[in-house]
Amino acid sequence: MAGVTFSFTNFMALIDLNIGIASRLDENRSESFTILFCDFTGVAQNVIDDNLLTLLRTSDSIVHYEQYYFFVMPYTDRYGTGIVKRMVDEVFARSIPSAAVCYPVNGENPTELLESLHLEAKKVNQINLDCLYDLLSFSKS
C-alpha cells in the first residue's frame, strides 16, 4: 500500500479532479473525500517516506511542501480520517500536528476546501499554512 505523489503546484487540480469524480459517482453527496494535513517538522525525510508506504492506500494522493504533507483520501469520511491519524501517530511514535476537511461539508470547490483547511490548522494547532497563499486568493487572517 502506498499513495501516489503529486506536486504542490498541482494541488488545486488534484482536489478539482477528486470533486469531479465524487460528483459523478456519489449521488447522495456524503463525505466523498477528506484532505488530511500533517506537519512532520522534526521527522527525517527517509523516516517519513518509509512509513507513508505502510499507511496509505494506492488510491490516496500525497502532496507535500517542505515538512507539510497533505493527503487526499477518496471515500474517507471524518471517522476514517481519525483512524488514519491514529495510525500516523502510532507509526511515528508521537502526536503529529494535523487538521482535516471533508468534501462537500467543508467546501464545494478547491478554494473553499483549502481555505477551510487553513483555518482548521490555525485553530487546532496554531499553524499558518502560508504555503497555501500561493495557491489561493484569500487574505491572511
Protein backbone atom coordinates (compact mmCIF):
# COMPACT_ATOMS: atom_id res chain seq x y z
CA MET A 1 0.00 0.00 0.00
CA ALA A 2 1.23 3.48 -0.87
CA GLY A 3 -0.20 6.76 -2.01
CA VAL A 4 0.58 8.48 -5.28
CA THR A 5 2.60 11.70 -5.01
CA PHE A 6 1.63 14.91 -6.83
CA SER A 7 3.48 18.22 -6.96
CA PHE A 8 2.36 21.04 -4.73
CA THR A 9 1.68 23.21 -7.78
CA ASN A 10 -0.93 20.66 -8.92
CA PHE A 11 -2.72 20.51 -5.55
CA MET A 12 -5.74 22.58 -6.66
CA ALA A 13 -6.12 20.49 -9.83
CA LEU A 14 -5.91 17.28 -7.78
CA ILE A 15 -8.70 18.49 -5.50
CA ASP A 16 -10.75 19.54 -8.52
CA LEU A 17 -10.28 16.07 -10.02
CA ASN A 18 -11.49 14.43 -6.80
CA ILE A 19 -14.51 16.73 -6.73
CA GLY A 20 -15.31 15.73 -10.32
CA ILE A 21 -15.04 12.03 -9.52
CA ALA A 22 -17.14 12.44 -6.37
CA SER A 23 -19.80 14.38 -8.26
CA ARG A 24 -20.01 11.68 -10.89
CA LEU A 25 -20.07 8.71 -8.52
CA ASP A 26 -21.64 9.94 -5.30
CA GLU A 27 -25.25 10.96 -5.78
CA ASN A 28 -26.05 11.40 -2.08
CA ARG A 29 -23.17 13.89 -1.60
CA SER A 30 -21.94 12.37 1.63
CA GLU A 31 -18.37 12.99 2.78
CA SER A 32 -16.85 11.92 -0.52
CA PHE A 33 -13.20 12.56 0.31
CA THR A 34 -11.07 14.08 3.01
CA ILE A 35 -7.92 16.17 2.94
CA LEU A 36 -5.71 15.41 5.92
CA PHE A 37 -2.87 17.82 6.71
CA CYS A 38 0.09 16.61 8.80
CA ASP A 39 3.08 18.64 9.98
CA PHE A 40 6.15 16.39 10.06
CA THR A 41 8.53 19.07 11.37
CA GLY A 42 11.45 17.36 13.09
CA VAL A 43 10.93 13.99 11.38
CA ALA A 44 13.67 12.80 8.99
CA GLN A 45 12.62 12.62 5.33
CA ASN A 46 13.62 8.96 4.95
CA VAL A 47 11.51 8.07 8.01
CA ILE A 48 8.52 9.88 6.52
CA ASP A 49 8.97 8.21 3.12
CA ASP A 50 9.40 4.71 4.57
CA ASN A 51 6.40 4.95 6.88
CA LEU A 52 3.94 6.55 4.48
CA LEU A 53 4.28 3.46 2.31
CA THR A 54 2.62 1.41 5.06
CA LEU A 55 -0.11 3.91 5.95
CA LEU A 56 -1.74 4.94 2.70
CA ARG A 57 -3.79 3.16 0.07
CA THR A 58 -2.87 3.23 -3.61
CA SER A 59 -6.00 5.37 -4.17
CA ASP A 60 -4.74 8.06 -1.77
CA SER A 61 -2.79 11.07 -3.05
CA ILE A 62 0.12 12.81 -1.37
CA VAL A 63 1.12 16.43 -1.83
CA HIS A 64 3.90 17.93 0.23
CA TYR A 65 5.52 21.26 0.75
CA GLU A 66 8.64 21.08 2.88
CA GLN A 67 7.57 19.50 6.20
CA TYR A 68 3.82 19.85 5.44
CA TYR A 69 2.04 16.85 3.94
CA PHE A 70 -1.48 16.83 2.55
CA PHE A 71 -3.27 13.52 1.94
CA VAL A 72 -6.31 13.41 -0.33
CA MET A 73 -8.22 10.29 0.64
CA PRO A 74 -11.19 9.29 -1.55
CA TYR A 75 -14.22 7.72 0.12
CA THR A 76 -12.85 8.54 3.54
CA ASP A 77 -15.09 10.38 5.98
CA ARG A 78 -14.13 12.12 9.22
CA TYR A 79 -14.31 8.85 11.16
CA GLY A 80 -11.96 7.10 8.72
CA THR A 81 -9.62 10.08 8.82
CA GLY A 82 -9.46 9.75 12.61
CA ILE A 83 -8.35 6.15 12.18
CA VAL A 84 -5.63 7.17 9.71
CA LYS A 85 -4.49 9.95 12.07
CA ARG A 86 -4.19 7.48 14.99
CA MET A 87 -2.15 5.18 12.73
CA VAL A 88 0.14 8.09 11.81
CA ASP A 89 0.70 8.91 15.48
CA GLU A 90 1.40 5.25 16.29
CA VAL A 91 3.82 4.72 13.40
CA PHE A 92 5.77 7.90 14.17
CA ALA A 93 5.53 7.28 17.95
CA ARG A 94 4.40 10.85 18.63
CA SER A 95 1.43 13.12 18.13
CA ILE A 96 1.75 14.65 14.68
CA PRO A 97 0.00 18.05 14.40
CA SER A 98 -2.83 17.70 11.91
CA ALA A 99 -6.10 19.09 10.59
CA ALA A 100 -8.72 17.69 8.22
CA VAL A 101 -11.54 18.86 5.98
CA CYS A 102 -14.15 16.89 4.07
CA TYR A 103 -15.83 17.48 0.72
CA PRO A 104 -18.54 18.76 0.45
CA VAL A 105 -19.15 19.52 4.14
CA ASN A 106 -16.22 21.95 4.47
CA GLY A 107 -16.24 23.32 0.94
CA GLU A 108 -17.72 22.90 -2.51
CA ASN A 109 -14.59 23.75 -4.52
CA PRO A 110 -10.79 23.62 -4.12
CA THR A 111 -10.53 27.20 -2.86
CA GLU A 112 -13.17 26.70 -0.16
CA LEU A 113 -11.64 23.40 0.94
CA LEU A 114 -8.11 24.79 1.22
CA GLU A 115 -9.33 27.91 2.97
CA SER A 116 -11.19 25.68 5.46
CA LEU A 117 -8.06 23.60 5.94
CA HIS A 118 -6.00 26.73 6.56
CA LEU A 119 -8.50 27.92 9.19
CA GLU A 120 -8.70 24.48 10.85
CA ALA A 121 -4.89 24.13 11.08
CA LYS A 122 -4.68 27.61 12.56
CA LYS A 123 -7.47 26.94 15.08
CA VAL A 124 -6.37 23.47 16.19
CA ASN A 125 -2.56 23.73 16.01
CA GLN A 126 -1.80 27.44 15.62
CA ILE A 127 -0.16 26.57 12.29
CA ASN A 128 -0.37 29.09 9.48
CA LEU A 129 -0.34 27.25 6.18
CA ASP A 130 1.36 30.16 4.45
CA CYS A 131 2.31 27.86 1.56
CA LEU A 132 -1.36 27.81 0.51
CA TYR A 133 -1.28 31.56 -0.18
CA ASP A 134 0.46 30.79 -3.47
CA LEU A 135 -2.49 28.62 -4.48
CA LEU A 136 -5.37 30.62 -3.06
CA SER A 137 -6.71 34.10 -3.39
CA PHE A 138 -7.74 34.67 0.21
CA SER A 139 -6.01 37.11 2.50
CA LYS A 140 -4.02 36.23 5.61
CA SER A 141 -6.12 36.35 8.75
